[in-house]
Amino acid sequence: MLDKRLVIIIGHYGSGKSEFAVNYAVKMKENHEFVSIADLDIVNPYFRSREKREFFENIGVKVYDSSIRNTAVDIPALPAELMGVILNPNSRSVLDVGGDPVGARVLARYSEQIKNVEYDMFFVINGRRPETSTVEGVLKYLKLIEATSKLKISGLINNTHLLKDTTVEDVEFGHELTKKVSWETDIPIRYEACIKDTALQITNKEILEKLFPINLYMREEWMS
């Protein structure tokens, strides 16, 4: 993984950005001793990366989250240690950020510090969500997030899915959509994410080059 030390994961609500962030941190831990993930999602009260604290601690990934531990409330309280996560040159860090321009406001508070370090900001796209099923829809959110966060997106992630019902056709639809967005913005596609069962069925060479198989860590087995 040749990405920068600090990686920001952002995307529209329902894009699967937290799931990708969790999988990304797990993958990063395979190659780096010190890895941390900061959950900055102060918008969506469900499926946050902070809910996997015990899982992360067991594999040696440090978790930073809201100072309010009660997950039944949604108070925009940011971790006091966040500045260290951003600036620490000895740790690979992932920031899981709220899923829309409102959630991106949290980044604006730290934009100047982030600009002073090497960072990537990846925009996660789910082409099966109504708001991001067209190039125009994706571009709308992409531009709003950049304007709100005061940071530039450096990579696109095709994460087009219908959870466990995701098919190869869904992934391929998302690939074509993300490719068009890449042409419009000159932002490269960095990863093509899909659940492992579907990943095994992929034959498209363009997708295979950047394939990132993921586990559904954020959903319990009984969830569809």
Foldseek 3Di string as FASTA:
>chain_A
DPFFLEEEFEEAPPLCRQQVLVLVQVVVVVPAVAEEEEEQALDDLALTNVVCCVVCVVSRYHYHYFPDPPSVDRDRHGGPCVLVLQPVPRYRYYYYFHHFLVRLLVLLVCVVSNVVGRYAYEYGAALPDPQRVALVSRVVRQVSSCVNNVDHHQEYEQEHAPPPPGALVRLVSSVVRVVVNCVVPVRYHQAREDAPVRVVVDDPPVRVVRYDHGDRPSDDPVDD
